């Protein structure tokens, strides 16, 4: 199964914790998910500097800082009850709705 066909357990605006790399241990909110490459952009983490050229009248040139992407395997969803990055599983409720559940404390993560 390719990355593009895989169903992700993360969503935009989820709080995640980085588990490896230079930003290890830091938490942040997901700004964007890139399904084709299996990467996420996290608010104020993995900051990159881009040197931009002025295009005349509208945009000023200079050094722009923006968030770089991090691979999905390097982040874990943060459980509200546990307060740390945890692995999750999916569970079907009585009404037939599927929700994400913390594997450690069995707390439902999806907000209804």
PDB file of N, CA and C in Angstrom:
ATOM      1  N   UNK A   1       0.850  -1.184   0.000  1.00  0.00           N
ATOM      2  CA  UNK A   1       0.000   0.000   0.000  1.00  0.00           C
ATOM      3  C   UNK A   1       0.889   1.238   0.000  1.00  0.00           C
ATOM      4  N   UNK A   2       0.668   2.124  -0.929  1.00  0.00           N
ATOM      5  CA  UNK A   2       1.486   3.326  -1.006  1.00  0.00           C
ATOM      6  C   UNK A   2       1.018   4.349   0.023  1.00  0.00           C
ATOM      7  N   UNK A   3       1.843   5.367   0.240  1.00  0.00           N
ATOM      8  CA  UNK A   3       1.541   6.393   1.227  1.00  0.00           C
ATOM      9  C   UNK A   3       0.286   7.168   0.837  1.00  0.00           C
ATOM     10  N   UNK A   4       0.068   7.368  -0.464  1.00  0.00           N
ATOM     11  CA  UNK A   4      -1.080   8.144  -0.927  1.00  0.00           C
ATOM     12  C   UNK A   4      -2.403   7.445  -0.621  1.00  0.00           C
ATOM     13  N   UNK A   5      -2.409   6.108  -0.519  1.00  0.00           N
ATOM     14  CA  UNK A   5      -3.630   5.369  -0.257  1.00  0.00           C
ATOM     15  C   UNK A   5      -3.878   5.146   1.232  1.00  0.00           C
ATOM     16  N   UNK A   6      -2.891   5.385   2.061  1.00  0.00           N
ATOM     17  CA  UNK A   6      -2.991   5.098   3.483  1.00  0.00           C
ATOM     18  C   UNK A   6      -3.877   6.113   4.199  1.00  0.00           C
ATOM     19  N   UNK A   7      -4.681   5.636   5.151  1.00  0.00           N
ATOM     20  CA  UNK A   7      -5.538   6.502   5.956  1.00  0.00           C
ATOM     21  C   UNK A   7      -4.736   6.968   7.164  1.00  0.00           C
ATOM     22  N   UNK A   8      -4.642   8.286   7.345  1.00  0.00           N
ATOM     23  CA  UNK A   8      -3.852   8.827   8.434  1.00  0.00           C
ATOM     24  C   UNK A   8      -4.660   8.896   9.720  1.00  0.00           C
ATOM     25  N   UNK A   9      -3.988   8.754  10.839  1.00  0.00           N
ATOM     26  CA  UNK A   9      -4.642   8.854  12.134  1.00  0.00           C
ATOM     27  C   UNK A   9      -4.512  10.262  12.700  1.00  0.00           C
ATOM     28  N   UNK A  10      -3.914  11.162  11.948  1.00  0.00           N
ATOM     29  CA  UNK A  10      -3.760  12.548  12.374  1.00  0.00           C
ATOM     30  C   UNK A  10      -4.642  13.452  11.517  1.00  0.00           C
ATOM     31  N   UNK A  11      -5.043  14.584  12.114  1.00  0.00           N
ATOM     32  CA  UNK A  11      -5.869  15.549  11.404  1.00  0.00           C
ATOM     33  C   UNK A  11      -5.291  16.938  11.606  1.00  0.00           C
ATOM     34  N   UNK A  12      -5.722  17.871  10.780  1.00  0.00           N
ATOM     35  CA  UNK A  12      -5.317  19.258  10.934  1.00  0.00           C
ATOM     36  C   UNK A  12      -5.807  19.764  12.294  1.00  0.00           C
ATOM     37  N   UNK A  13      -5.012  20.607  12.943  1.00  0.00           N
ATOM     38  CA  UNK A  13      -5.281  21.204  14.263  1.00  0.00           C
ATOM     39  C   UNK A  13      -5.104  20.229  15.423  1.00  0.00           C
ATOM     40  N   UNK A  14      -4.623  18.997  15.184  1.00  0.00           N
ATOM     41  CA  UNK A  14      -4.270  18.094  16.279  1.00  0.00           C
ATOM     42  C   UNK A  14      -2.979  18.573  16.934  1.00  0.00           C
ATOM     43  N   UNK A  15      -2.842  18.326  18.240  1.00  0.00           N
ATOM     44  CA  UNK A  15      -1.601  18.616  18.946  1.00  0.00           C
ATOM     45  C   UNK A  15      -0.755  17.346  18.905  1.00  0.00           C
ATOM     46  N   UNK A  16       0.491  17.488  18.429  1.00  0.00           N
ATOM     47  CA  UNK A  16       1.388  16.341  18.309  1.00  0.00           C
ATOM     48  C   UNK A  16       2.712  16.627  19.012  1.00  0.00           C
ATOM     49  N   UNK A  17       3.443  15.551  19.311  1.00  0.00           N
ATOM     50  CA  UNK A  17       4.766  15.654  19.924  1.00  0.00           C
ATOM     51  C   UNK A  17       5.776  15.007  18.988  1.00  0.00           C
ATOM     52  N   UNK A  18       6.910  15.681  18.788  1.00  0.00           N
ATOM     53  CA  UNK A  18       7.959  15.154  17.916  1.00  0.00           C
ATOM     54  C   UNK A  18       8.782  14.156  18.727  1.00  0.00           C
ATOM     55  N   UNK A  19       9.043  12.962  18.162  1.00  0.00           N
ATOM     56  CA  UNK A  19       9.748  11.919  18.901  1.00  0.00           C
ATOM     57  C   UNK A  19      11.168  11.681  18.411  1.00  0.00           C
ATOM     58  N   UNK A  20      11.574  12.325  17.310  1.00  0.00           N
ATOM     59  CA  UNK A  20      12.964  12.177  16.863  1.00  0.00           C
ATOM     60  C   UNK A  20      13.369  13.377  16.022  1.00  0.00           C
ATOM     61  N   UNK A  21      14.661  13.578  15.908  1.00  0.00           N
ATOM     62  CA  UNK A  21      15.176  14.697  15.129  1.00  0.00           C
ATOM     63  C   UNK A  21      15.569  15.858  16.012  1.00  0.00           C
ATOM     64  N   UNK A  22      15.892  16.989  15.388  1.00  0.00           N
ATOM     65  CA  UNK A  22      16.395  18.140  16.137  1.00  0.00           C
ATOM     66  C   UNK A  22      15.323  18.799  17.003  1.00  0.00           C
ATOM     67  N   UNK A  23      14.047  18.554  16.714  1.00  0.00           N
ATOM     68  CA  UNK A  23      12.942  19.131  17.484  1.00  0.00           C
ATOM     69  C   UNK A  23      12.342  18.129  18.477  1.00  0.00           C
ATOM     70  N   UNK A  24      13.102  17.086  18.826  1.00  0.00           N
ATOM     71  CA  UNK A  24      12.612  16.003  19.686  1.00  0.00           C
ATOM     72  C   UNK A  24      12.071  16.537  21.013  1.00  0.00           C
ATOM     73  N   UNK A  25      10.885  16.047  21.405  1.00  0.00           N
ATOM     74  CA  UNK A  25      10.273  16.412  22.668  1.00  0.00           C
ATOM     75  C   UNK A  25       9.354  17.621  22.607  1.00  0.00           C
ATOM     76  N   UNK A  26       9.390  18.373  21.523  1.00  0.00           N
ATOM     77  CA  UNK A  26       8.571  19.582  21.412  1.00  0.00           C
ATOM     78  C   UNK A  26       7.167  19.234  20.917  1.00  0.00           C
ATOM     79  N   UNK A  27       6.190  20.060  21.335  1.00  0.00           N
ATOM     80  CA  UNK A  27       4.798  19.860  20.951  1.00  0.00           C
ATOM     81  C   UNK A  27       4.323  21.028  20.111  1.00  0.00           C
ATOM     82  N   UNK A  28       3.371  20.771  19.237  1.00  0.00           N
ATOM     83  CA  UNK A  28       2.820  21.828  18.401  1.00  0.00           C
ATOM     84  C   UNK A  28       1.561  21.371  17.693  1.00  0.00           C
ATOM     85  N   UNK A  29       0.895  22.327  17.033  1.00  0.00           N
ATOM     86  CA  UNK A  29      -0.357  22.069  16.326  1.00  0.00           C
ATOM     87  C   UNK A  29      -0.067  21.832  14.848  1.00  0.00           C
ATOM     88  N   UNK A  30      -0.745  20.859  14.261  1.00  0.00           N
ATOM     89  CA  UNK A  30      -0.570  20.545  12.842  1.00  0.00           C
ATOM     90  C   UNK A  30      -1.218  21.639  12.001  1.00  0.00           C
ATOM     91  N   UNK A  31      -0.433  22.219  11.088  1.00  0.00           N
ATOM     92  CA  UNK A  31      -0.939  23.236  10.171  1.00  0.00           C
ATOM     93  C   UNK A  31      -1.386  22.633   8.851  1.00  0.00           C
ATOM     94  N   UNK A  32      -0.632  21.619   8.371  1.00  0.00           N
ATOM     95  CA  UNK A  32      -0.948  21.015   7.073  1.00  0.00           C
ATOM     96  C   UNK A  32      -0.502  19.560   7.043  1.00  0.00           C
ATOM     97  N   UNK A  33      -1.246  18.724   6.330  1.00  0.00           N
ATOM     98  CA  UNK A  33      -0.912  17.324   6.089  1.00  0.00           C
ATOM     99  C   UNK A  33      -0.655  17.139   4.599  1.00  0.00           C
ATOM    100  N   UNK A  34       0.422  16.458   4.255  1.00  0.00           N
ATOM    101  CA  UNK A  34       0.746  16.181   2.852  1.00  0.00           C
ATOM    102  C   UNK A  34       0.672  14.670   2.649  1.00  0.00           C
ATOM    103  N   UNK A  35      -0.465  14.192   2.156  1.00  0.00           N
ATOM    104  CA  UNK A  35      -0.704  12.754   2.057  1.00  0.00           C
ATOM    105  C   UNK A  35       0.204  12.074   1.039  1.00  0.00           C
ATOM    106  N   UNK A  36       0.539  12.782  -0.050  1.00  0.00           N
ATOM    107  CA  UNK A  36       1.352  12.155  -1.091  1.00  0.00           C
ATOM    108  C   UNK A  36       2.776  11.874  -0.628  1.00  0.00           C
ATOM    109  N   UNK A  37       3.316  12.685   0.282  1.00  0.00           N
ATOM    110  CA  UNK A  37       4.674  12.470   0.776  1.00  0.00           C
ATOM    111  C   UNK A  37       4.708  11.937   2.208  1.00  0.00           C
ATOM    112  N   UNK A  38       3.554  11.874   2.880  1.00  0.00           N
ATOM    113  CA  UNK A  38       3.489  11.357   4.245  1.00  0.00           C
ATOM    114  C   UNK A  38       4.155  12.276   5.255  1.00  0.00           C
ATOM    115  N   UNK A  39       3.988  13.579   5.091  1.00  0.00           N
ATOM    116  CA  UNK A  39       4.639  14.552   5.970  1.00  0.00           C
ATOM    117  C   UNK A  39       3.615  15.524   6.545  1.00  0.00           C
ATOM    118  N   UNK A  40       3.982  16.175   7.659  1.00  0.00           N
ATOM    119  CA  UNK A  40       3.126  17.178   8.292  1.00  0.00           C
ATOM    120  C   UNK A  40       3.933  18.435   8.567  1.00  0.00           C
ATOM    121  N   UNK A  41       3.242  19.579   8.587  1.00  0.00           N
ATOM    122  CA  UNK A  41       3.852  20.837   8.985  1.00  0.00           C
ATOM    123  C   UNK A  41       3.290  21.198  10.344  1.00  0.00           C
ATOM    124  N   UNK A  42       4.185  21.491  11.300  1.00  0.00           N
ATOM    125  CA  UNK A  42       3.785  21.778  12.671  1.00  0.00           C
ATOM    126  C   UNK A  42       4.126  23.228  12.999  1.00  0.00           C
ATOM    127  N   UNK A  43       3.203  23.896  13.675  1.00  0.00           N
ATOM    128  CA  UNK A  43       3.326  25.307  13.994  1.00  0.00           C
ATOM    129  C   UNK A  43       4.581  25.594  14.816  1.00  0.00           C
ATOM    130  N   UNK A  44       5.435  26.498  14.313  1.00  0.00           N
ATOM    131  CA  UNK A  44       6.652  26.992  14.962  1.00  0.00           C
ATOM    132  C   UNK A  44       7.687  25.906  15.262  1.00  0.00           C
ATOM    133  N   UNK A  45       7.683  24.809  14.486  1.00  0.00           N
ATOM    134  CA  UNK A  45       8.697  23.763  14.626  1.00  0.00           C
ATOM    135  C   UNK A  45       9.371  23.525  13.280  1.00  0.00           C
ATOM    136  N   UNK A  46      10.640  23.116  13.315  1.00  0.00           N
ATOM    137  CA  UNK A  46      11.440  22.839  12.123  1.00  0.00           C
ATOM    138  C   UNK A  46      11.494  24.072  11.212  1.00  0.00           C
ATOM    139  N   UNK A  47      11.844  25.214  11.791  1.00  0.00           N
ATOM    140  CA  UNK A  47      11.867  26.474  11.055  1.00  0.00           C
ATOM    141  C   UNK A  47      13.012  26.486  10.040  1.00  0.00           C
ATOM    142  N   UNK A  48      12.695  26.906   8.811  1.00  0.00           N
ATOM    143  CA  UNK A  48      13.661  27.001   7.728  1.00  0.00           C
ATOM    144  C   UNK A  48      13.777  28.450   7.297  1.00  0.00           C
ATOM    145  N   UNK A  49      14.948  28.833   6.785  1.00  0.00           N
ATOM    146  CA  UNK A  49      15.142  30.183   6.264  1.00  0.00           C
ATOM    147  C   UNK A  49      15.222  30.120   4.752  1.00  0.00           C
ATOM    148  N   UNK A  50      14.425  30.950   4.113  1.00  0.00           N
ATOM    149  CA  UNK A  50      14.414  31.026   2.657  1.00  0.00           C
ATOM    150  C   UNK A  50      14.820  32.431   2.245  1.00  0.00           C
ATOM    151  N   UNK A  51      15.775  32.511   1.333  1.00  0.00           N
ATOM    152  CA  UNK A  51      16.223  33.796   0.814  1.00  0.00           C
ATOM    153  C   UNK A  51      15.368  34.124  -0.400  1.00  0.00           C
ATOM    154  N   UNK A  52      14.622  35.222  -0.328  1.00  0.00           N
ATOM    155  CA  UNK A  52      13.720  35.588  -1.419  1.00  0.00           C
ATOM    156  C   UNK A  52      14.213  36.840  -2.118  1.00  0.00           C
ATOM    157  N   UNK A  53      13.921  36.896  -3.397  1.00  0.00           N
ATOM    158  CA  UNK A  53      14.320  38.018  -4.221  1.00  0.00           C
ATOM    159  C   UNK A  53      13.129  38.960  -4.381  1.00  0.00           C
ATOM    160  N   UNK A  54      13.397  40.246  -4.408  1.00  0.00           N
ATOM    161  CA  UNK A  54      12.345  41.228  -4.609  1.00  0.00           C
ATOM    162  C   UNK A  54      11.814  41.105  -6.032  1.00  0.00           C
ATOM    163  N   UNK A  55      10.511  41.270  -6.205  1.00  0.00           N
ATOM    164  CA  UNK A  55       9.952  41.204  -7.549  1.00  0.00           C
ATOM    165  C   UNK A  55       9.513  42.592  -8.028  1.00  0.00           C
ATOM    166  N   UNK A  56      10.175  43.602  -7.570  1.00  0.00           N
ATOM    167  CA  UNK A  56       9.871  44.951  -8.051  1.00  0.00           C
ATOM    168  C   UNK A  56       9.042  45.742  -7.068  1.00  0.00           C
ATOM    169  N   UNK A  57       7.766  45.905  -7.402  1.00  0.00           N
ATOM    170  CA  UNK A  57       6.944  46.780  -6.570  1.00  0.00           C
ATOM    171  C   UNK A  57       6.219  46.085  -5.416  1.00  0.00           C
ATOM    172  N   UNK A  58       5.740  44.860  -5.624  1.00  0.00           N
ATOM    173  CA  UNK A  58       4.830  44.273  -4.640  1.00  0.00           C
ATOM    174  C   UNK A  58       5.528  43.581  -3.460  1.00  0.00           C
ATOM    175  N   UNK A  59       6.582  42.799  -3.695  1.00  0.00           N
ATOM    176  CA  UNK A  59       7.163  42.010  -2.612  1.00  0.00           C
ATOM    177  C   UNK A  59       8.583  42.460  -2.308  1.00  0.00           C
ATOM    178  N   UNK A  60       8.869  42.585  -1.016  1.00  0.00           N
ATOM    179  CA  UNK A  60      10.209  42.971  -0.580  1.00  0.00           C
ATOM    180  C   UNK A  60      11.083  41.724  -0.449  1.00  0.00           C
ATOM    181  N   UNK A  61      12.334  41.823  -0.851  1.00  0.00           N
ATOM    182  CA  UNK A  61      13.258  40.712  -0.735  1.00  0.00           C
ATOM    183  C   UNK A  61      13.809  40.609   0.675  1.00  0.00           C
ATOM    184  N   UNK A  62      14.438  39.480   0.990  1.00  0.00           N
ATOM    185  CA  UNK A  62      15.031  39.293   2.304  1.00  0.00           C
ATOM    186  C   UNK A  62      15.006  37.840   2.707  1.00  0.00           C
ATOM    187  N   UNK A  63      15.217  37.590   3.993  1.00  0.00           N
ATOM    188  CA  UNK A  63      15.224  36.236   4.524  1.00  0.00           C
ATOM    189  C   UNK A  63      13.875  35.983   5.200  1.00  0.00           C
ATOM    190  N   UNK A  64      13.185  34.953   4.744  1.00  0.00           N
ATOM    191  CA  UNK A  64      11.866  34.596   5.275  1.00  0.00           C
ATOM    192  C   UNK A  64      11.987  33.293   6.041  1.00  0.00           C
ATOM    193  N   UNK A  65      11.437  33.255   7.265  1.00  0.00           N
ATOM    194  CA  UNK A  65      11.420  32.014   8.045  1.00  0.00           C
ATOM    195  C   UNK A  65      10.045  31.380   7.923  1.00  0.00           C
ATOM    196  N   UNK A  66      10.032  30.057   7.662  1.00  0.00           N
ATOM    197  CA  UNK A  66       8.763  29.336   7.598  1.00  0.00           C
ATOM    198  C   UNK A  66       8.961  27.921   8.128  1.00  0.00           C
ATOM    199  N   UNK A  67       7.838  27.265   8.417  1.00  0.00           N
ATOM    200  CA  UNK A  67       7.904  25.912   8.964  1.00  0.00           C
ATOM    201  C   UNK A  67       8.223  24.903   7.866  1.00  0.00           C
ATOM    202  N   UNK A  68       9.127  23.983   8.179  1.00  0.00           N
ATOM    203  CA  UNK A  68       9.415  22.878   7.278  1.00  0.00           C
ATOM    204  C   UNK A  68       8.563  21.687   7.665  1.00  0.00           C
ATOM    205  N   UNK A  69       8.516  20.680   6.799  1.00  0.00           N
ATOM    206  CA  UNK A  69       7.687  19.509   7.084  1.00  0.00           C
ATOM    207  C   UNK A  69       8.481  18.452   7.848  1.00  0.00           C
ATOM    208  N   UNK A  70       7.765  17.620   8.583  1.00  0.00           N
ATOM    209  CA  UNK A  70       8.336  16.518   9.365  1.00  0.00           C
ATOM    210  C   UNK A  70       7.593  15.255   8.953  1.00  0.00           C
ATOM    211  N   UNK A  71       8.309  14.136   8.843  1.00  0.00           N
ATOM    212  CA  UNK A  71       7.680  12.890   8.432  1.00  0.00           C
ATOM    213  C   UNK A  71       6.715  12.398   9.508  1.00  0.00           C
ATOM    214  N   UNK A  72       5.624  11.759   9.077  1.00  0.00           N
ATOM    215  CA  UNK A  72       4.593  11.265  10.000  1.00  0.00           C
ATOM    216  C   UNK A  72       5.128  10.292  11.042  1.00  0.00           C
ATOM    217  N   UNK A  73       6.145   9.521  10.681  1.00  0.00           N
ATOM    218  CA  UNK A  73       6.688   8.532  11.620  1.00  0.00           C
ATOM    219  C   UNK A  73       7.427   9.177  12.783  1.00  0.00           C
ATOM    220  N   UNK A  74       7.717  10.473  12.682  1.00  0.00           N
ATOM    221  CA  UNK A  74       8.451  11.162  13.739  1.00  0.00           C
ATOM    222  C   UNK A  74       7.559  11.959  14.680  1.00  0.00           C
ATOM    223  N   UNK A  75       6.243  11.812  14.577  1.00  0.00           N
ATOM    224  CA  UNK A  75       5.327  12.522  15.472  1.00  0.00           C
ATOM    225  C   UNK A  75       4.305  11.562  16.074  1.00  0.00           C
ATOM    226  N   UNK A  76       3.851  11.885  17.300  1.00  0.00           N
ATOM    227  CA  UNK A  76       2.803  11.136  17.981  1.00  0.00           C
ATOM    228  C   UNK A  76       1.725  12.104  18.430  1.00  0.00           C
ATOM    229  N   UNK A  77       0.484  11.661  18.374  1.00  0.00           N
ATOM    230  CA  UNK A  77      -0.636  12.458  18.834  1.00  0.00           C
ATOM    231  C   UNK A  77      -0.581  12.594  20.356  1.00  0.00           C
ATOM    232  N   UNK A  78      -0.871  13.785  20.879  1.00  0.00           N
ATOM    233  CA  UNK A  78      -0.839  14.021  22.330  1.00  0.00           C
ATOM    234  C   UNK A  78      -2.228  13.768  22.894  1.00  0.00           C
ATOM    235  N   UNK A  79      -2.289  12.922  23.922  1.00  0.00           N
ATOM    236  CA  UNK A  79      -3.533  12.619  24.622  1.00  0.00           C
ATOM    237  C   UNK A  79      -3.762  13.695  25.689  1.00  0.00           C
ATOM    238  N   UNK A  80      -5.003  14.200  25.800  1.00  0.00           N
ATOM    239  CA  UNK A  80      -5.314  15.230  26.792  1.00  0.00           C
ATOM    240  C   UNK A  80      -5.153  14.702  28.214  1.00  0.00           C
ATOM    241  N   UNK A  81      -5.544  13.474  28.453  1.00  0.00           N
ATOM    242  CA  UNK A  81      -5.489  12.893  29.800  1.00  0.00           C
ATOM    243  C   UNK A  81      -4.056  12.529  30.194  1.00  0.00           C
ATOM    244  N   UNK A  82      -3.316  11.880  29.281  1.00  0.00           N
ATOM    245  CA  UNK A  82      -1.930  11.460  29.568  1.00  0.00           C
ATOM    246  C   UNK A  82      -0.971  12.656  29.547  1.00  0.00           C
ATOM    247  N   UNK A  83      -1.221  13.610  28.660  1.00  0.00           N
ATOM    248  CA  UNK A  83      -0.365  14.780  28.542  1.00  0.00           C
ATOM    249  C   UNK A  83       0.923  14.543  27.781  1.00  0.00           C
ATOM    250  N   UNK A  84       1.020  13.421  27.078  1.00  0.00           N
ATOM    251  CA  UNK A  84       2.227  13.111  26.308  1.00  0.00           C
ATOM    252  C   UNK A  84       1.829  12.470  24.987  1.00  0.00           C
ATOM    253  N   UNK A  85       2.817  12.272  24.127  1.00  0.00           N
ATOM    254  CA  UNK A  85       2.564  11.631  22.848  1.00  0.00           C
ATOM    255  C   UNK A  85       2.274  10.156  23.039  1.00  0.00           C
ATOM    256  N   UNK A  86       1.176   9.672  22.453  1.00  0.00           N
ATOM    257  CA  UNK A  86       0.770   8.276  22.612  1.00  0.00           C
ATOM    258  C   UNK A  86       0.382   7.680  21.272  1.00  0.00           C
ATOM    259  N   UNK A  87       0.440   6.364  21.202  1.00  0.00           N
ATOM    260  CA  UNK A  87      -0.078   5.676  20.029  1.00  0.00           C
ATOM    261  C   UNK A  87      -1.591   5.565  20.177  1.00  0.00           C
ATOM    262  N   UNK A  88      -2.273   5.476  19.052  1.00  0.00           N
ATOM    263  CA  UNK A  88      -3.728   5.442  19.108  1.00  0.00           C
ATOM    264  C   UNK A  88      -4.272   4.250  18.340  1.00  0.00           C
ATOM    265  N   UNK A  89      -5.515   3.918  18.667  1.00  0.00           N
ATOM    266  CA  UNK A  89      -6.226   2.877  17.920  1.00  0.00           C
ATOM    267  C   UNK A  89      -7.610   3.417  17.588  1.00  0.00           C
ATOM    268  N   UNK A  90      -8.292   2.758  16.686  1.00  0.00           N
ATOM    269  CA  UNK A  90      -9.637   3.182  16.309  1.00  0.00           C
ATOM    270  C   UNK A  90     -10.654   2.243  16.965  1.00  0.00           C
ATOM    271  N   UNK A  91     -11.763   2.840  17.388  1.00  0.00           N
ATOM    272  CA  UNK A  91     -12.803   2.076  18.066  1.00  0.00           C
ATOM    273  C   UNK A  91     -14.152   2.526  17.525  1.00  0.00           C
ATOM    274  N   UNK A  92     -15.075   1.600  17.419  1.00  0.00           N
ATOM    275  CA  UNK A  92     -16.417   1.910  16.943  1.00  0.00           C
ATOM    276  C   UNK A  92     -17.336   2.061  18.154  1.00  0.00           C
ATOM    277  N   UNK A  93     -18.041   3.180  18.243  1.00  0.00           N
ATOM    278  CA  UNK A  93     -18.974   3.424  19.335  1.00  0.00           C
ATOM    279  C   UNK A  93     -20.309   2.741  19.064  1.00  0.00           C
ATOM    280  N   UNK A  94     -21.210   2.772  20.073  1.00  0.00           N
ATOM    281  CA  UNK A  94     -22.514   2.121  19.949  1.00  0.00           C
ATOM    282  C   UNK A  94     -23.336   2.708  18.796  1.00  0.00           C
ATOM    283  N   UNK A  95     -23.201   4.014  18.557  1.00  0.00           N
ATOM    284  CA  UNK A  95     -23.964   4.659  17.487  1.00  0.00           C
ATOM    285  C   UNK A  95     -23.345   4.449  16.104  1.00  0.00           C
ATOM    286  N   UNK A  96     -22.252   3.687  16.024  1.00  0.00           N
ATOM    287  CA  UNK A  96     -21.625   3.373  14.746  1.00  0.00           C
ATOM    288  C   UNK A  96     -20.518   4.331  14.337  1.00  0.00           C
ATOM    289  N   UNK A  97     -20.267   5.351  15.143  1.00  0.00           N
ATOM    290  CA  UNK A  97     -19.234   6.326  14.809  1.00  0.00           C
ATOM    291  C   UNK A  97     -17.862   5.788  15.204  1.00  0.00           C
ATOM    292  N   UNK A  98     -16.876   5.979  14.310  1.00  0.00           N
ATOM    293  CA  UNK A  98     -15.510   5.537  14.603  1.00  0.00           C
ATOM    294  C   UNK A  98     -14.729   6.691  15.214  1.00  0.00           C
ATOM    295  N   UNK A  99     -14.026   6.420  16.311  1.00  0.00           N
ATOM    296  CA  UNK A  99     -13.261   7.456  17.007  1.00  0.00           C
ATOM    297  C   UNK A  99     -11.849   6.965  17.262  1.00  0.00           C
ATOM    298  N   UNK A 100     -10.943   7.920  17.530  1.00  0.00           N
ATOM    299  CA  UNK A 100      -9.571   7.591  17.902  1.00  0.00           C
ATOM    300  C   UNK A 100      -9.489   7.472  19.417  1.00  0.00           C
ATOM    301  N   UNK A 101      -8.798   6.418  19.886  1.00  0.00           N
ATOM    302  CA  UNK A 101      -8.705   6.140  21.318  1.00  0.00           C
ATOM    303  C   UNK A 101      -7.236   5.979  21.695  1.00  0.00           C
ATOM    304  N   UNK A 102      -6.841   6.551  22.841  1.00  0.00           N
ATOM    305  CA  UNK A 102      -5.481   6.420  23.369  1.00  0.00           C
ATOM    306  C   UNK A 102      -5.246   4.977  23.784  1.00  0.00           C
ATOM    307  N   UNK A 103      -4.115   4.393  23.369  1.00  0.00           N
ATOM    308  CA  UNK A 103      -3.816   3.007  23.727  1.00  0.00           C
ATOM    309  C   UNK A 103      -3.412   2.867  25.189  1.00  0.00           C
ATOM    310  N   UNK A 104      -2.934   3.940  25.815  1.00  0.00           N
ATOM    311  CA  UNK A 104      -2.463   3.886  27.198  1.00  0.00           C
ATOM    312  C   UNK A 104      -3.606   3.956  28.193  1.00  0.00           C
ATOM    313  N   UNK A 105      -4.471   4.992  28.049  1.00  0.00           N
ATOM    314  CA  UNK A 105      -5.507   5.216  29.058  1.00  0.00           C
ATOM    315  C   UNK A 105      -6.924   4.948  28.564  1.00  0.00           C
ATOM    316  N   UNK A 106      -7.070   4.516  27.307  1.00  0.00           N
ATOM    317  CA  UNK A 106      -8.369   4.206  26.703  1.00  0.00           C
ATOM    318  C   UNK A 106      -9.300   5.424  26.631  1.00  0.00           C
ATOM    319  N   UNK A 107      -8.759   6.642  26.676  1.00  0.00           N
ATOM    320  CA  UNK A 107      -9.534   7.884  26.573  1.00  0.00           C
ATOM    321  C   UNK A 107      -9.851   8.172  25.105  1.00  0.00           C
ATOM    322  N   UNK A 108     -11.079   8.595  24.813  1.00  0.00           N
ATOM    323  CA  UNK A 108     -11.463   8.961  23.451  1.00  0.00           C
ATOM    324  C   UNK A 108     -10.824  10.305  23.134  1.00  0.00           C
ATOM    325  N   UNK A 109     -10.079  10.365  22.027  1.00  0.00           N
ATOM    326  CA  UNK A 109      -9.338  11.577  21.661  1.00  0.00           C
ATOM    327  C   UNK A 109     -10.179  12.505  20.793  1.00  0.00           C
ATOM    328  N   UNK A 110     -11.007  11.942  19.911  1.00  0.00           N
ATOM    329  CA  UNK A 110     -11.830  12.775  19.032  1.00  0.00           C
ATOM    330  C   UNK A 110     -12.833  13.565  19.859  1.00  0.00           C
ATOM    331  N   UNK A 111     -12.905  14.865  19.576  1.00  0.00           N
ATOM    332  CA  UNK A 111     -13.873  15.719  20.273  1.00  0.00           C
ATOM    333  C   UNK A 111     -15.181  15.702  19.505  1.00  0.00           C
ATOM    334  N   UNK A 112     -16.269  15.406  20.185  1.00  0.00           N
ATOM    335  CA  UNK A 112     -17.582  15.281  19.538  1.00  0.00           C
ATOM    336  C   UNK A 112     -18.280  16.623  19.527  1.00  0.00           C
TER     337      UNK A 112
END
